[in-house]
Protein backbone atom coordinates (compact mmCIF):
# COMPACT_ATOMS: atom_id res chain seq x y z
CA UNK A 1 -11.93 -11.83 30.37
CA UNK A 2 -12.59 -9.56 26.98
CA UNK A 3 -15.00 -6.43 27.52
CA UNK A 4 -18.50 -6.76 26.62
CA UNK A 5 -19.29 -6.99 22.88
CA UNK A 6 -20.47 -3.63 21.47
CA UNK A 7 -20.98 -4.31 18.02
CA UNK A 8 -21.67 -7.82 16.18
CA UNK A 9 -21.53 -8.43 12.52
CA UNK A 10 -23.49 -11.52 11.81
CA UNK A 11 -23.36 -13.52 8.46
CA UNK A 12 -23.16 -10.42 6.43
CA UNK A 13 -23.76 -10.78 2.69
CA UNK A 14 -23.48 -7.93 0.14
CA UNK A 15 -23.03 -7.96 -3.73
CA UNK A 16 -22.81 -5.15 -6.30
CA UNK A 17 -24.22 -6.60 -9.47
CA UNK A 18 -22.19 -9.77 -10.24
CA UNK A 19 -19.46 -8.69 -7.88
CA UNK A 20 -19.77 -10.59 -4.45
CA UNK A 21 -18.22 -8.60 -1.89
CA UNK A 22 -19.27 -9.90 1.54
CA UNK A 23 -20.01 -13.74 1.65
CA UNK A 24 -20.82 -14.67 5.25
CA UNK A 25 -18.87 -11.95 7.18
CA UNK A 26 -18.82 -12.53 10.96
CA UNK A 27 -16.99 -10.52 13.89
CA UNK A 28 -17.46 -8.90 17.32
CA UNK A 29 -16.08 -5.66 18.31
CA UNK A 30 -15.46 -5.54 22.17
CA UNK A 31 -15.61 -2.29 24.15
CA UNK A 32 -12.32 -0.38 24.41
CA UNK A 33 -10.99 -2.48 21.64
CA UNK A 34 -9.57 -1.40 18.34
CA UNK A 35 -9.67 -3.81 15.32
CA UNK A 36 -7.45 -3.39 12.57
CA UNK A 37 -9.30 -4.42 9.17
CA UNK A 38 -6.95 -5.48 6.32
CA UNK A 39 -7.77 -6.95 2.97
CA UNK A 40 -6.79 -6.41 -0.62
CA UNK A 41 -8.31 -3.72 -2.74
CA UNK A 42 -11.91 -4.29 -3.69
CA UNK A 43 -12.47 -6.79 -0.56
CA UNK A 44 -15.09 -4.59 0.90
CA UNK A 45 -13.33 -3.06 3.90
CA UNK A 46 -14.83 0.14 3.64
CA UNK A 47 -18.22 -1.30 2.72
CA UNK A 48 -18.18 -2.94 6.29
CA UNK A 49 -17.92 0.59 7.66
CA UNK A 50 -20.55 2.09 5.42
CA UNK A 51 -22.95 -0.84 6.34
CA UNK A 52 -22.34 -0.28 9.95
CA UNK A 53 -23.82 3.30 9.68
CA UNK A 54 -26.42 2.44 7.13
CA UNK A 55 -24.92 3.90 3.99
CA UNK A 56 -24.94 0.55 2.43
CA UNK A 57 -27.84 -1.97 3.20
CA UNK A 58 -26.45 -5.58 3.27
CA UNK A 59 -28.26 -8.08 1.19
CA UNK A 60 -28.41 -10.50 4.05
CA UNK A 61 -27.07 -10.76 7.69
CA UNK A 62 -27.39 -8.52 10.79
CA UNK A 63 -25.50 -5.76 12.49
CA UNK A 64 -26.38 -5.75 16.07
CA UNK A 65 -25.50 -2.52 18.28
CA UNK A 66 -27.43 -1.85 21.56
CA UNK A 67 -29.48 -5.24 21.18
CA UNK A 68 -31.02 -4.04 17.82
CA UNK A 69 -30.40 -5.14 14.17
CA UNK A 70 -29.34 -1.65 12.76
CA UNK A 71 -29.76 -3.02 9.08
CA UNK A 72 -33.39 -2.82 9.52
CA UNK A 73 -33.48 0.72 10.36
CA UNK A 74 -34.74 3.69 8.11
CA UNK A 75 -32.88 6.94 7.61
CA UNK A 76 -34.87 8.71 10.38
CA UNK A 77 -34.11 5.68 12.86
CA UNK A 78 -30.37 5.79 12.05
CA UNK A 79 -29.87 9.45 13.16
CA UNK A 80 -29.36 8.61 16.84
CA UNK A 81 -27.08 5.66 15.98
CA UNK A 82 -24.74 7.99 13.89
CA UNK A 83 -24.47 9.96 16.83
CA UNK A 84 -23.01 6.99 18.81
CA UNK A 85 -21.12 5.61 15.96
CA UNK A 86 -18.83 8.11 14.30
CA UNK A 87 -17.22 7.67 10.84
CA UNK A 88 -13.85 9.22 10.05
CA UNK A 89 -13.86 9.95 6.28
CA UNK A 90 -10.62 9.30 4.44
CA UNK A 91 -10.53 13.04 3.24
CA UNK A 92 -11.57 14.67 6.45
CA UNK A 93 -15.00 15.47 4.66
CA UNK A 94 -15.03 18.91 6.08
CA UNK A 95 -17.50 21.59 4.84
CA UNK A 96 -15.45 23.84 2.74
CA UNK A 97 -17.43 27.12 3.37
CA UNK A 98 -17.29 26.93 7.17
CA UNK A 99 -14.39 27.64 9.36
CA UNK A 100 -12.76 24.78 11.41
CA UNK A 101 -14.78 26.13 14.72
CA UNK A 102 -17.90 26.13 12.58
CA UNK A 103 -17.23 22.46 11.21
CA UNK A 104 -16.49 21.12 14.83
CA UNK A 105 -19.49 23.04 16.21
CA UNK A 106 -21.89 21.51 13.61
CA UNK A 107 -22.57 18.26 15.47
CA UNK A 108 -22.96 19.97 18.71
CA UNK A 109 -25.61 22.29 17.36
CA UNK A 110 -27.45 19.64 15.62
CA UNK A 111 -27.61 17.11 18.35
CA UNK A 112 -26.96 18.75 21.82
CA UNK A 113 -28.69 21.88 23.64
CA UNK A 114 -25.16 23.15 24.68
CA UNK A 115 -24.88 27.16 24.87
CA UNK A 116 -22.72 28.90 22.25
CA UNK A 117 -20.11 29.35 25.22
CA UNK A 118 -20.04 25.64 25.93
CA UNK A 119 -19.80 24.84 22.31
CA UNK A 120 -16.83 27.02 21.98
CA UNK A 121 -15.03 25.61 24.92
CA UNK A 122 -15.76 22.13 23.66
CA UNK A 123 -14.52 23.07 20.18
CA UNK A 124 -11.29 24.28 22.01
CA UNK A 125 -10.75 21.18 23.85
CA UNK A 126 -10.94 19.11 20.68
CA UNK A 127 -8.46 21.45 18.95
CA UNK A 128 -6.05 21.13 21.85
CA UNK A 129 -6.24 17.54 21.66
CA UNK A 130 -5.52 17.37 17.92
CA UNK A 131 -2.66 19.78 18.26
CA UNK A 132 -4.52 22.55 16.34
CA UNK A 133 -4.86 25.16 18.94
CA UNK A 134 -5.77 28.49 17.48
CA UNK A 135 -7.02 27.04 14.16
CA UNK A 136 -10.83 28.16 15.04
CA UNK A 137 -10.87 30.64 12.12
CA UNK A 138 -9.15 28.82 9.40
CA UNK A 139 -11.05 27.47 6.28
CA UNK A 140 -10.48 23.96 5.31
CA UNK A 141 -8.78 25.14 2.07
CA UNK A 142 -6.13 26.86 4.28
CA UNK A 143 -5.21 23.61 6.17
CA UNK A 144 -2.64 21.06 5.03
CA UNK A 145 -4.13 17.57 4.13
CA UNK A 146 -3.02 16.36 7.44
CA UNK A 147 -4.49 19.03 9.42
CA UNK A 148 -8.04 18.29 7.46
CA UNK A 149 -7.61 14.70 8.50
CA UNK A 150 -7.24 15.63 12.15
CA UNK A 151 -10.02 18.27 12.04
CA UNK A 152 -12.20 15.61 10.58
CA UNK A 153 -11.36 13.16 13.52
CA UNK A 154 -12.03 15.97 15.94
CA UNK A 155 -15.55 16.55 14.43
CA UNK A 156 -16.28 12.91 14.34
CA UNK A 157 -15.54 12.54 18.13
CA UNK A 158 -16.76 15.66 19.50
CA UNK A 159 -20.05 13.90 20.53
CA UNK A 160 -18.16 11.34 22.34
CA UNK A 161 -19.41 8.35 20.25
CA UNK A 162 -19.33 4.78 21.56
CA UNK A 163 -17.58 3.47 18.49
CA UNK A 164 -15.26 5.40 15.92
CA UNK A 165 -14.87 4.03 12.41
CA UNK A 166 -11.61 5.01 10.69
CA UNK A 167 -11.72 4.79 6.88
CA UNK A 168 -8.16 4.76 5.53
CA UNK A 169 -7.14 7.50 7.98
CA UNK A 170 -3.48 7.64 6.91
CA UNK A 171 -3.93 7.51 3.23
CA UNK A 172 -2.08 10.18 1.41
CA UNK A 173 -0.21 11.44 4.50
CA UNK A 174 3.62 11.81 4.48
CA UNK A 175 5.35 10.06 7.47
CA UNK A 176 5.30 13.09 9.90
CA UNK A 177 1.70 13.73 9.54
CA UNK A 178 0.93 10.00 9.69
CA UNK A 179 2.67 10.07 13.12
CA UNK A 180 1.05 13.10 14.25
CA UNK A 181 -2.33 11.41 13.47
CA UNK A 182 -1.58 8.06 15.05
CA UNK A 183 -0.46 10.17 18.10
CA UNK A 184 -3.93 11.72 18.17
CA UNK A 185 -5.46 8.23 18.03
CA UNK A 186 -3.33 6.91 20.66
CA UNK A 187 -4.45 9.77 22.99
CA UNK A 188 -7.93 8.55 22.22
CA UNK A 189 -7.10 5.18 22.91
CA UNK A 190 -5.77 5.89 26.49
CA UNK A 191 -9.31 7.53 27.00
CA UNK A 192 -10.64 4.14 26.21
CA UNK A 193 -12.22 4.39 22.70
CA UNK A 194 -13.35 1.59 20.59
CA UNK A 195 -13.08 1.56 17.09
CA UNK A 196 -12.55 -0.18 13.61
CA UNK A 197 -9.49 0.95 11.66
CA UNK A 198 -9.61 -0.04 8.00
CA UNK A 199 -6.35 0.55 6.36
CA UNK A 200 -3.69 -0.59 3.55
CA UNK A 201 -1.16 1.12 6.13
CA UNK A 202 -0.17 -1.89 7.99
CA UNK A 203 2.59 -0.66 10.26
CA UNK A 204 0.17 2.00 11.41
CA UNK A 205 -2.39 -0.67 12.28
CA UNK A 206 -0.05 -2.63 14.06
CA UNK A 207 0.64 0.46 16.00
CA UNK A 208 -2.95 1.08 16.99
CA UNK A 209 -4.84 -1.89 16.95
CA UNK A 210 -5.58 -4.71 19.62
CA UNK A 211 -6.56 -7.24 17.26
CA UNK A 212 -6.22 -7.77 13.54
CA UNK A 213 -9.06 -8.97 11.15
CA UNK A 214 -7.99 -10.01 7.50
CA UNK A 215 -10.66 -9.92 4.85
CA UNK A 216 -10.37 -12.41 2.21
CA UNK A 217 -12.94 -13.87 -0.44
CA UNK A 218 -15.88 -12.18 1.34
CA UNK A 219 -15.25 -13.45 4.97
CA UNK A 220 -12.85 -12.85 7.77
CA UNK A 221 -10.03 -15.19 7.05
CA UNK A 222 -8.49 -14.67 10.60
CA UNK A 223 -8.89 -12.45 13.55
CA UNK A 224 -6.38 -12.45 16.18
CA UNK A 225 -4.06 -10.35 18.55
CA UNK A 226 -1.28 -8.09 16.67
CA UNK A 227 1.32 -10.52 18.47
CA UNK A 228 -0.19 -13.64 17.08
CA UNK A 229 -0.65 -12.20 13.50
CA UNK A 230 2.81 -11.00 13.56
CA UNK A 231 4.09 -14.65 14.35
CA UNK A 232 1.52 -16.36 12.28
CA UNK A 233 2.74 -18.97 9.64
CA UNK A 234 -0.40 -18.79 7.61
CA UNK A 235 0.70 -17.74 4.01
CA UNK A 236 -2.01 -15.01 3.53
CA UNK A 237 -1.16 -13.60 7.11
CA UNK A 238 2.54 -13.52 6.13
CA UNK A 239 1.86 -11.79 3.03
CA UNK A 240 0.18 -8.68 4.87
CA UNK A 241 2.82 -8.90 7.69
CA UNK A 242 5.72 -8.82 5.20
CA UNK A 243 4.53 -5.31 4.06
CA UNK A 244 5.04 -4.09 7.56
CA UNK A 245 8.58 -4.90 7.88
């Protein structure tokens, strides 16, 4: 029996001018599941994630979270949703003028009533989790690209969100830093996180995901377990799988 559905995308349509991106997109995300989302460039993988947190508004369709259609919410109503659905940006998206500690503490100061001591302790727990112990006082400009991404991941998850949206998290990383980031995500997976992993990095998705969804011509062409995707005889699926060999 699969776990309960945490998020449901229903019949999503989205165009930018004459470019049709989503044309009836449907899928469900279950609790404690990671879906790897594949698709060629311009197929709207990141647009799915941006729509889920309200940075894009679909032309039609619903995104159901906690029994409500979050596409209907305004900016103010989206604030509590964004504490429960975290977005891990491709570049880490840290505030340049704040230290690592200040960056990680920012969501806690904005959305909790924790004391300074409790915030400091929580930040240290996060830095420990992402193998960056002692990096508290460093500025983003003093971090490697890999460390910036890991710090961005830590900041995204510091409020214990119900869902984590990963937007090309391994893009631009060398193999060593890719492995380190994936190891961090695996630690989170052992804790039972739920997420959507948008990527061109198919070997990484196969390592992390429970199911794989392939976006093609505005719809989900297929969604299935990693094992079944690997064995599929579907030509489109095989063209993606061949990139992982």
